[in-house]
PDB file of all heavy atoms in Angstrom:
ATOM      1  N   ARG A   1       4.935  -6.544  13.614  1.00  0.00           N
ATOM      2  CA  ARG A   1       3.591  -5.952  13.707  1.00  0.00           C
ATOM      3  C   ARG A   1       3.554  -4.575  13.056  1.00  0.00           C
ATOM      4  O   ARG A   1       2.605  -4.212  12.431  1.00  0.00           O
ATOM      5  CB  ARG A   1       3.124  -5.908  15.131  1.00  0.00           C
ATOM      6  CG  ARG A   1       3.912  -4.975  16.032  1.00  0.00           C
ATOM      7  CD  ARG A   1       3.422  -4.935  17.408  1.00  0.00           C
ATOM      8  NE  ARG A   1       4.329  -4.143  18.215  1.00  0.00           N
ATOM      9  CZ  ARG A   1       4.265  -4.019  19.493  1.00  0.00           C
ATOM     10  NH1 ARG A   1       3.346  -4.682  20.145  1.00  0.00           N
ATOM     11  NH2 ARG A   1       5.112  -3.291  20.130  1.00  0.00           N
ATOM     12  N   TYR A   2       4.637  -3.811  13.189  1.00  0.00           N
ATOM     13  CA  TYR A   2       4.665  -2.482  12.574  1.00  0.00           C
ATOM     14  C   TYR A   2       4.760  -2.573  11.083  1.00  0.00           C
ATOM     15  O   TYR A   2       4.149  -1.812  10.325  1.00  0.00           O
ATOM     16  CB  TYR A   2       5.826  -1.623  13.146  1.00  0.00           C
ATOM     17  CG  TYR A   2       5.671  -1.340  14.609  1.00  0.00           C
ATOM     18  CD1 TYR A   2       6.725  -1.637  15.513  1.00  0.00           C
ATOM     19  CD2 TYR A   2       4.487  -0.816  15.144  1.00  0.00           C
ATOM     20  CE1 TYR A   2       6.566  -1.365  16.869  1.00  0.00           C
ATOM     21  CE2 TYR A   2       4.349  -0.556  16.478  1.00  0.00           C
ATOM     22  CZ  TYR A   2       5.344  -0.830  17.349  1.00  0.00           C
ATOM     23  OH  TYR A   2       5.211  -0.572  18.676  1.00  0.00           O
ATOM     24  N   LEU A   3       5.516  -3.512  10.595  1.00  0.00           N
ATOM     25  CA  LEU A   3       5.657  -3.714   9.141  1.00  0.00           C
ATOM     26  C   LEU A   3       4.288  -4.122   8.557  1.00  0.00           C
ATOM     27  O   LEU A   3       3.900  -3.673   7.504  1.00  0.00           O
ATOM     28  CB  LEU A   3       6.701  -4.743   8.808  1.00  0.00           C
ATOM     29  CG  LEU A   3       8.179  -4.259   9.036  1.00  0.00           C
ATOM     30  CD1 LEU A   3       9.171  -5.421   8.859  1.00  0.00           C
ATOM     31  CD2 LEU A   3       8.504  -3.111   8.140  1.00  0.00           C
ATOM     32  N   LEU A   4       3.615  -5.042   9.244  1.00  0.00           N
ATOM     33  CA  LEU A   4       2.300  -5.547   8.803  1.00  0.00           C
ATOM     34  C   LEU A   4       1.283  -4.392   8.756  1.00  0.00           C
ATOM     35  O   LEU A   4       0.553  -4.257   7.784  1.00  0.00           O
ATOM     36  CB  LEU A   4       1.846  -6.716   9.650  1.00  0.00           C
ATOM     37  CG  LEU A   4       0.487  -7.271   9.317  1.00  0.00           C
ATOM     38  CD1 LEU A   4       0.528  -7.849   7.894  1.00  0.00           C
ATOM     39  CD2 LEU A   4       0.094  -8.357  10.330  1.00  0.00           C
ATOM     40  N   ILE A   5       1.246  -3.633   9.801  1.00  0.00           N
ATOM     41  CA  ILE A   5       0.267  -2.556   9.913  1.00  0.00           C
ATOM     42  C   ILE A   5       0.550  -1.504   8.824  1.00  0.00           C
ATOM     43  O   ILE A   5      -0.349  -0.984   8.140  1.00  0.00           O
ATOM     44  CB  ILE A   5       0.239  -1.932  11.291  1.00  0.00           C
ATOM     45  CG1 ILE A   5      -0.342  -2.948  12.299  1.00  0.00           C
ATOM     46  CG2 ILE A   5      -0.555  -0.633  11.335  1.00  0.00           C
ATOM     47  CD1 ILE A   5      -0.160  -2.604  13.755  1.00  0.00           C
ATOM     48  N   THR A   6       1.851  -1.204   8.607  1.00  0.00           N
ATOM     49  CA  THR A   6       2.219  -0.283   7.571  1.00  0.00           C
ATOM     50  C   THR A   6       1.814  -0.762   6.209  1.00  0.00           C
ATOM     51  O   THR A   6       1.242  -0.050   5.402  1.00  0.00           O
ATOM     52  CB  THR A   6       3.749   0.001   7.602  1.00  0.00           C
ATOM     53  OG1 THR A   6       4.116   0.525   8.905  1.00  0.00           O
ATOM     54  CG2 THR A   6       4.181   0.957   6.519  1.00  0.00           C
ATOM     55  N   LEU A   7       2.037  -2.057   5.994  1.00  0.00           N
ATOM     56  CA  LEU A   7       1.633  -2.698   4.735  1.00  0.00           C
ATOM     57  C   LEU A   7       0.111  -2.646   4.492  1.00  0.00           C
ATOM     58  O   LEU A   7      -0.337  -2.364   3.406  1.00  0.00           O
ATOM     59  CB  LEU A   7       2.125  -4.144   4.665  1.00  0.00           C
ATOM     60  CG  LEU A   7       1.822  -4.903   3.384  1.00  0.00           C
ATOM     61  CD1 LEU A   7       2.487  -4.274   2.176  1.00  0.00           C
ATOM     62  CD2 LEU A   7       2.275  -6.387   3.518  1.00  0.00           C
ATOM     63  N   LEU A   8      -0.657  -2.845   5.565  1.00  0.00           N
ATOM     64  CA  LEU A   8      -2.079  -2.778   5.490  1.00  0.00           C
ATOM     65  C   LEU A   8      -2.550  -1.336   5.096  1.00  0.00           C
ATOM     66  O   LEU A   8      -3.403  -1.169   4.228  1.00  0.00           O
ATOM     67  CB  LEU A   8      -2.737  -3.201   6.780  1.00  0.00           C
ATOM     68  CG  LEU A   8      -2.712  -4.680   7.087  1.00  0.00           C
ATOM     69  CD1 LEU A   8      -3.199  -4.961   8.529  1.00  0.00           C
ATOM     70  CD2 LEU A   8      -3.559  -5.404   6.114  1.00  0.00           C
ATOM     71  N   TYR A   9      -2.002  -0.327   5.770  1.00  0.00           N
ATOM     72  CA  TYR A   9      -2.352   1.052   5.438  1.00  0.00           C
ATOM     73  C   TYR A   9      -1.971   1.404   4.005  1.00  0.00           C
ATOM     74  O   TYR A   9      -2.755   2.033   3.273  1.00  0.00           O
ATOM     75  CB  TYR A   9      -1.739   2.047   6.401  1.00  0.00           C
ATOM     76  CG  TYR A   9      -2.600   2.364   7.589  1.00  0.00           C
ATOM     77  CD1 TYR A   9      -2.418   1.751   8.817  1.00  0.00           C
ATOM     78  CD2 TYR A   9      -3.615   3.306   7.484  1.00  0.00           C
ATOM     79  CE1 TYR A   9      -3.223   2.046   9.907  1.00  0.00           C
ATOM     80  CE2 TYR A   9      -4.435   3.623   8.568  1.00  0.00           C
ATOM     81  CZ  TYR A   9      -4.224   2.978   9.793  1.00  0.00           C
ATOM     82  OH  TYR A   9      -5.004   3.299  10.834  1.00  0.00           O
ATOM     83  N   VAL A  10      -0.751   1.043   3.598  1.00  0.00           N
ATOM     84  CA  VAL A  10      -0.331   1.351   2.201  1.00  0.00           C
ATOM     85  C   VAL A  10      -1.199   0.611   1.182  1.00  0.00           C
ATOM     86  O   VAL A  10      -1.597   1.176   0.191  1.00  0.00           O
ATOM     87  CB  VAL A  10       1.176   1.014   2.024  1.00  0.00           C
ATOM     88  CG1 VAL A  10       1.617   1.061   0.569  1.00  0.00           C
ATOM     89  CG2 VAL A  10       2.033   1.978   2.889  1.00  0.00           C
ATOM     90  N   SER A  11      -1.499  -0.658   1.477  1.00  0.00           N
ATOM     91  CA  SER A  11      -2.320  -1.442   0.549  1.00  0.00           C
ATOM     92  C   SER A  11      -3.730  -0.860   0.449  1.00  0.00           C
ATOM     93  O   SER A  11      -4.272  -0.731  -0.640  1.00  0.00           O
ATOM     94  CB  SER A  11      -2.430  -2.907   1.003  1.00  0.00           C
ATOM     95  OG  SER A  11      -1.150  -3.526   0.992  1.00  0.00           O
ATOM     96  N   TYR A  12      -4.282  -0.479   1.562  1.00  0.00           N
ATOM     97  CA  TYR A  12      -5.617   0.098   1.556  1.00  0.00           C
ATOM     98  C   TYR A  12      -5.577   1.414   0.760  1.00  0.00           C
ATOM     99  O   TYR A  12      -6.483   1.691  -0.050  1.00  0.00           O
ATOM    100  CB  TYR A  12      -6.108   0.383   2.995  1.00  0.00           C
ATOM    101  CG  TYR A  12      -7.480   0.993   3.012  1.00  0.00           C
ATOM    102  CD1 TYR A  12      -8.598   0.191   2.770  1.00  0.00           C
ATOM    103  CD2 TYR A  12      -7.647   2.351   3.251  1.00  0.00           C
ATOM    104  CE1 TYR A  12      -9.883   0.726   2.783  1.00  0.00           C
ATOM    105  CE2 TYR A  12      -8.925   2.888   3.217  1.00  0.00           C
ATOM    106  CZ  TYR A  12     -10.038   2.088   3.019  1.00  0.00           C
ATOM    107  OH  TYR A  12     -11.307   2.624   2.988  1.00  0.00           O
ATOM    108  N   GLY A  13      -4.572   2.259   0.992  1.00  0.00           N
ATOM    109  CA  GLY A  13      -4.461   3.475   0.237  1.00  0.00           C
ATOM    110  C   GLY A  13      -4.340   3.287  -1.262  1.00  0.00           C
ATOM    111  O   GLY A  13      -4.954   3.951  -2.084  1.00  0.00           O
ATOM    112  N   GLY A  14      -3.547   2.267  -1.599  1.00  0.00           N
ATOM    113  CA  GLY A  14      -3.414   1.879  -3.036  1.00  0.00           C
ATOM    114  C   GLY A  14      -4.704   1.467  -3.634  1.00  0.00           C
ATOM    115  O   GLY A  14      -5.038   1.845  -4.767  1.00  0.00           O
ATOM    116  N   LEU A  15      -5.461   0.650  -2.899  1.00  0.00           N
ATOM    117  CA  LEU A  15      -6.753   0.132  -3.425  1.00  0.00           C
ATOM    118  C   LEU A  15      -7.737   1.344  -3.609  1.00  0.00           C
ATOM    119  O   LEU A  15      -8.394   1.457  -4.659  1.00  0.00           O
ATOM    120  CB  LEU A  15      -7.350  -0.856  -2.454  1.00  0.00           C
ATOM    121  CG  LEU A  15      -8.761  -1.337  -2.789  1.00  0.00           C
ATOM    122  CD1 LEU A  15      -8.777  -2.080  -4.121  1.00  0.00           C
ATOM    123  CD2 LEU A  15      -9.292  -2.215  -1.645  1.00  0.00           C
ATOM    124  N   MET A  16      -7.800   2.200  -2.617  1.00  0.00           N
ATOM    125  CA  MET A  16      -8.679   3.373  -2.749  1.00  0.00           C
ATOM    126  C   MET A  16      -8.271   4.274  -3.930  1.00  0.00           C
ATOM    127  O   MET A  16      -9.128   4.747  -4.651  1.00  0.00           O
ATOM    128  CB  MET A  16      -8.730   4.170  -1.438  1.00  0.00           C
ATOM    129  CG  MET A  16      -9.502   3.541  -0.327  1.00  0.00           C
ATOM    130  SD  MET A  16     -11.252   3.217  -0.741  1.00  0.00           S
ATOM    131  CE  MET A  16     -11.851   4.887  -0.825  1.00  0.00           C
ATOM    132  N   LEU A  17      -6.967   4.504  -4.047  1.00  0.00           N
ATOM    133  CA  LEU A  17      -6.518   5.311  -5.157  1.00  0.00           C
ATOM    134  C   LEU A  17      -6.859   4.695  -6.500  1.00  0.00           C
ATOM    135  O   LEU A  17      -7.286   5.364  -7.426  1.00  0.00           O
ATOM    136  CB  LEU A  17      -4.994   5.561  -5.074  1.00  0.00           C
ATOM    137  CG  LEU A  17      -4.386   6.412  -6.164  1.00  0.00           C
ATOM    138  CD1 LEU A  17      -5.062   7.811  -6.220  1.00  0.00           C
ATOM    139  CD2 LEU A  17      -2.909   6.579  -5.947  1.00  0.00           C
ATOM    140  N   TRP A  18      -6.692   3.384  -6.576  1.00  0.00           N
ATOM    141  CA  TRP A  18      -7.012   2.678  -7.814  1.00  0.00           C
ATOM    142  C   TRP A  18      -8.535   2.851  -8.144  1.00  0.00           C
ATOM    143  O   TRP A  18      -8.883   3.058  -9.300  1.00  0.00           O
ATOM    144  CB  TRP A  18      -6.657   1.188  -7.687  1.00  0.00           C
ATOM    145  CG  TRP A  18      -6.984   0.355  -8.852  1.00  0.00           C
ATOM    146  CD1 TRP A  18      -6.345   0.349 -10.053  1.00  0.00           C
ATOM    147  CD2 TRP A  18      -8.025  -0.592  -8.959  1.00  0.00           C
ATOM    148  NE1 TRP A  18      -6.907  -0.557 -10.897  1.00  0.00           N
ATOM    149  CE2 TRP A  18      -7.999  -1.158 -10.250  1.00  0.00           C
ATOM    150  CE3 TRP A  18      -9.027  -1.050  -8.077  1.00  0.00           C
ATOM    151  CZ2 TRP A  18      -8.881  -2.109 -10.676  1.00  0.00           C
ATOM    152  CZ3 TRP A  18      -9.910  -2.027  -8.516  1.00  0.00           C
ATOM    153  CH2 TRP A  18      -9.805  -2.516  -9.786  1.00  0.00           C
ATOM    154  N   LEU A  19      -9.359   2.728  -7.135  1.00  0.00           N
ATOM    155  CA  LEU A  19     -10.806   2.904  -7.340  1.00  0.00           C
ATOM    156  C   LEU A  19     -11.205   4.337  -7.679  1.00  0.00           C
ATOM    157  O   LEU A  19     -12.071   4.555  -8.549  1.00  0.00           O
ATOM    158  CB  LEU A  19     -11.586   2.473  -6.059  1.00  0.00           C
ATOM    159  CG  LEU A  19     -11.635   1.020  -5.750  1.00  0.00           C
ATOM    160  CD1 LEU A  19     -12.274   0.820  -4.385  1.00  0.00           C
ATOM    161  CD2 LEU A  19     -12.392   0.216  -6.810  1.00  0.00           C
ATOM    162  N   LEU A  20     -10.586   5.290  -7.059  1.00  0.00           N
ATOM    163  CA  LEU A  20     -11.032   6.682  -7.201  1.00  0.00           C
ATOM    164  C   LEU A  20     -10.328   7.444  -8.307  1.00  0.00           C
ATOM    165  O   LEU A  20     -10.896   8.454  -8.779  1.00  0.00           O
ATOM    166  CB  LEU A  20     -10.769   7.439  -5.908  1.00  0.00           C
ATOM    167  CG  LEU A  20     -11.440   6.892  -4.616  1.00  0.00           C
ATOM    168  CD1 LEU A  20     -11.108   7.811  -3.425  1.00  0.00           C
ATOM    169  CD2 LEU A  20     -12.919   6.726  -4.787  1.00  0.00           C
ATOM    170  N   ALA A  21      -9.175   6.997  -8.763  1.00  0.00           N
ATOM    171  CA  ALA A  21      -8.341   7.763  -9.667  1.00  0.00           C
ATOM    172  C   ALA A  21      -9.075   8.317 -10.896  1.00  0.00           C
ATOM    173  O   ALA A  21      -8.923   9.479 -11.274  1.00  0.00           O
ATOM    174  CB  ALA A  21      -7.097   6.947 -10.098  1.00  0.00           C
ATOM    175  N   SER A  22      -9.809   7.460 -11.530  1.00  0.00           N
ATOM    176  CA  SER A  22     -10.503   7.886 -12.787  1.00  0.00           C
ATOM    177  C   SER A  22     -11.580   8.949 -12.592  1.00  0.00           C
ATOM    178  O   SER A  22     -11.946   9.670 -13.506  1.00  0.00           O
ATOM    179  CB  SER A  22     -11.118   6.698 -13.522  1.00  0.00           C
ATOM    180  OG  SER A  22     -12.131   6.106 -12.738  1.00  0.00           O
ATOM    181  N   GLY A  23     -12.068   9.099 -11.350  1.00  0.00           N
ATOM    182  CA  GLY A  23     -13.114  10.101 -11.084  1.00  0.00           C
ATOM    183  C   GLY A  23     -12.626  11.382 -10.484  1.00  0.00           C
ATOM    184  O   GLY A  23     -13.381  12.266 -10.221  1.00  0.00           O
ATOM    185  N   LEU A  24     -11.284  11.486 -10.235  1.00  0.00           N
ATOM    186  CA  LEU A  24     -10.772  12.658  -9.537  1.00  0.00           C
ATOM    187  C   LEU A  24     -10.580  13.861 -10.412  1.00  0.00           C
ATOM    188  O   LEU A  24     -10.663  15.007  -9.960  1.00  0.00           O
ATOM    189  CB  LEU A  24      -9.459  12.278  -8.865  1.00  0.00           C
ATOM    190  CG  LEU A  24      -9.528  11.291  -7.728  1.00  0.00           C
ATOM    191  CD1 LEU A  24      -8.159  10.912  -7.222  1.00  0.00           C
ATOM    192  CD2 LEU A  24     -10.410  11.781  -6.590  1.00  0.00           C
ATOM    193  N   GLY A  25     -10.310  13.647 -11.674  1.00  0.00           N
ATOM    194  CA  GLY A  25     -10.080  14.788 -12.634  1.00  0.00           C
ATOM    195  C   GLY A  25      -9.056  15.765 -12.118  1.00  0.00           C
ATOM    196  O   GLY A  25      -7.958  15.354 -11.728  1.00  0.00           O
ATOM    197  N   GLU A  26      -9.422  17.059 -12.139  1.00  0.00           N
ATOM    198  CA  GLU A  26      -8.456  18.057 -11.703  1.00  0.00           C
ATOM    199  C   GLU A  26      -8.117  18.013 -10.226  1.00  0.00           C
ATOM    200  O   GLU A  26      -7.188  18.740  -9.777  1.00  0.00           O
ATOM    201  CB  GLU A  26      -8.956  19.463 -12.117  1.00  0.00           C
ATOM    202  CG  GLU A  26     -10.222  19.858 -11.385  1.00  0.00           C
ATOM    203  CD  GLU A  26     -10.842  21.195 -11.912  1.00  0.00           C
ATOM    204  OE1 GLU A  26     -10.557  21.532 -13.051  1.00  0.00           O
ATOM    205  OE2 GLU A  26     -11.580  21.804 -11.136  1.00  0.00           O
ATOM    206  N   LEU A  27      -8.843  17.281  -9.464  1.00  0.00           N
ATOM    207  CA  LEU A  27      -8.577  17.144  -8.035  1.00  0.00           C
ATOM    208  C   LEU A  27      -7.612  16.022  -7.690  1.00  0.00           C
ATOM    209  O   LEU A  27      -7.380  15.726  -6.545  1.00  0.00           O
ATOM    210  CB  LEU A  27      -9.870  16.946  -7.248  1.00  0.00           C
ATOM    211  CG  LEU A  27     -10.834  18.138  -7.199  1.00  0.00           C
ATOM    212  CD1 LEU A  27     -12.132  17.791  -6.522  1.00  0.00           C
ATOM    213  CD2 LEU A  27     -10.170  19.326  -6.504  1.00  0.00           C
ATOM    214  N   PHE A  28      -7.074  15.364  -8.746  1.00  0.00           N
ATOM    215  CA  PHE A  28      -6.207  14.198  -8.507  1.00  0.00           C
ATOM    216  C   PHE A  28      -5.051  14.514  -7.568  1.00  0.00           C
ATOM    217  O   PHE A  28      -4.867  13.811  -6.539  1.00  0.00           O
ATOM    218  CB  PHE A  28      -5.621  13.689  -9.861  1.00  0.00           C
ATOM    219  CG  PHE A  28      -4.807  12.452  -9.732  1.00  0.00           C
ATOM    220  CD1 PHE A  28      -5.409  11.201  -9.686  1.00  0.00           C
ATOM    221  CD2 PHE A  28      -3.431  12.548  -9.601  1.00  0.00           C
ATOM    222  CE1 PHE A  28      -4.667  10.093  -9.508  1.00  0.00           C
ATOM    223  CE2 PHE A  28      -2.653  11.405  -9.423  1.00  0.00           C
ATOM    224  CZ  PHE A  28      -3.278  10.163  -9.420  1.00  0.00           C
ATOM    225  N   VAL A  29      -4.286  15.532  -7.820  1.00  0.00           N
ATOM    226  CA  VAL A  29      -3.119  15.815  -6.981  1.00  0.00           C
ATOM    227  C   VAL A  29      -3.534  16.207  -5.528  1.00  0.00           C
ATOM    228  O   VAL A  29      -2.979  15.631  -4.574  1.00  0.00           O
ATOM    229  CB  VAL A  29      -2.215  16.914  -7.629  1.00  0.00           C
ATOM    230  CG1 VAL A  29      -1.102  17.376  -6.627  1.00  0.00           C
ATOM    231  CG2 VAL A  29      -1.609  16.352  -8.888  1.00  0.00           C
ATOM    232  N   PRO A  30      -4.488  17.137  -5.340  1.00  0.00           N
ATOM    233  CA  PRO A  30      -4.856  17.459  -3.990  1.00  0.00           C
ATOM    234  C   PRO A  30      -5.451  16.254  -3.193  1.00  0.00           C
ATOM    235  O   PRO A  30      -5.170  16.074  -2.008  1.00  0.00           O
ATOM    236  CB  PRO A  30      -5.875  18.577  -4.083  1.00  0.00           C
ATOM    237  CG  PRO A  30      -5.966  18.939  -5.476  1.00  0.00           C
ATOM    238  CD  PRO A  30      -5.162  18.014  -6.325  1.00  0.00           C
ATOM    239  N   VAL A  31      -6.232  15.431  -3.864  1.00  0.00           N
ATOM    240  CA  VAL A  31      -6.869  14.279  -3.219  1.00  0.00           C
ATOM    241  C   VAL A  31      -5.785  13.242  -2.853  1.00  0.00           C
ATOM    242  O   VAL A  31      -5.801  12.736  -1.750  1.00  0.00           O
ATOM    243  CB  VAL A  31      -8.010  13.705  -4.046  1.00  0.00           C
ATOM    244  CG1 VAL A  31      -8.480  12.373  -3.443  1.00  0.00           C
ATOM    245  CG2 VAL A  31      -9.168  14.639  -4.073  1.00  0.00           C
ATOM    246  N   VAL A  32      -4.866  13.007  -3.746  1.00  0.00           N
ATOM    247  CA  VAL A  32      -3.782  12.057  -3.434  1.00  0.00           C
ATOM    248  C   VAL A  32      -2.909  12.599  -2.265  1.00  0.00           C
ATOM    249  O   VAL A  32      -2.547  11.803  -1.371  1.00  0.00           O
ATOM    250  CB  VAL A  32      -2.906  11.748  -4.705  1.00  0.00           C
ATOM    251  CG1 VAL A  32      -1.655  11.032  -4.303  1.00  0.00           C
ATOM    252  CG2 VAL A  32      -3.715  10.991  -5.724  1.00  0.00           C
ATOM    253  N   ALA A  33      -2.658  13.875  -2.263  1.00  0.00           N
ATOM    254  CA  ALA A  33      -1.903  14.499  -1.140  1.00  0.00           C
ATOM    255  C   ALA A  33      -2.685  14.288   0.161  1.00  0.00           C
ATOM    256  O   ALA A  33      -2.102  13.923   1.196  1.00  0.00           O
ATOM    257  CB  ALA A  33      -1.593  15.958  -1.430  1.00  0.00           C
ATOM    258  N   TYR A  34      -3.957  14.581   0.107  1.00  0.00           N
ATOM    259  CA  TYR A  34      -4.829  14.422   1.292  1.00  0.00           C
ATOM    260  C   TYR A  34      -4.877  12.961   1.749  1.00  0.00           C
ATOM    261  O   TYR A  34      -4.736  12.679   2.934  1.00  0.00           O
ATOM    262  CB  TYR A  34      -6.219  14.973   1.078  1.00  0.00           C
ATOM    263  CG  TYR A  34      -7.074  14.768   2.304  1.00  0.00           C
ATOM    264  CD1 TYR A  34      -6.890  15.591   3.410  1.00  0.00           C
ATOM    265  CD2 TYR A  34      -7.983  13.717   2.380  1.00  0.00           C
ATOM    266  CE1 TYR A  34      -7.640  15.414   4.549  1.00  0.00           C
ATOM    267  CE2 TYR A  34      -8.705  13.511   3.561  1.00  0.00           C
ATOM    268  CZ  TYR A  34      -8.557  14.380   4.630  1.00  0.00           C
ATOM    269  OH  TYR A  34      -9.238  14.163   5.785  1.00  0.00           O
ATOM    270  N   MET A  35      -5.064  12.052   0.805  1.00  0.00           N
ATOM    271  CA  MET A  35      -5.125  10.640   1.163  1.00  0.00           C
ATOM    272  C   MET A  35      -3.815  10.190   1.812  1.00  0.00           C
ATOM    273  O   MET A  35      -3.822   9.432   2.786  1.00  0.00           O
ATOM    274  CB  MET A  35      -5.313   9.781  -0.094  1.00  0.00           C
ATOM    275  CG  MET A  35      -6.745   9.762  -0.640  1.00  0.00           C
ATOM    276  SD  MET A  35      -6.888   8.822  -2.185  1.00  0.00           S
ATOM    277  CE  MET A  35      -6.465   7.171  -1.632  1.00  0.00           C
ATOM    278  N   SER A  36      -2.713  10.711   1.331  1.00  0.00           N
ATOM    279  CA  SER A  36      -1.424  10.341   1.860  1.00  0.00           C
ATOM    280  C   SER A  36      -1.266  10.842   3.309  1.00  0.00           C
ATOM    281  O   SER A  36      -0.856  10.017   4.192  1.00  0.00           O
ATOM    282  CB  SER A  36      -0.274  10.920   0.992  1.00  0.00           C
ATOM    283  OG  SER A  36      -0.329  10.439  -0.285  1.00  0.00           O
ATOM    284  N   ILE A  37      -1.651  12.075   3.575  1.00  0.00           N
ATOM    285  CA  ILE A  37      -1.499  12.606   4.929  1.00  0.00           C
ATOM    286  C   ILE A  37      -2.520  11.940   5.892  1.00  0.00           C
ATOM    287  O   ILE A  37      -2.219  11.701   7.058  1.00  0.00           O
ATOM    288  CB  ILE A  37      -1.595  14.152   4.949  1.00  0.00           C
ATOM    289  CG1 ILE A  37      -0.923  14.708   6.172  1.00  0.00           C
ATOM    290  CG2 ILE A  37      -3.027  14.632   4.903  1.00  0.00           C
ATOM    291  CD1 ILE A  37       0.566  14.630   6.184  1.00  0.00           C
TER     292      ILE A  37
END
């Protein structure tokens, strides 16, 4: 259950990053750091 939930969070984060990355511009690093935390 912990592995599955971790995989869901990581997958969701990856999907959001994939969607948002091209629009982040100079905020890419801070937004990725924030998304991670």
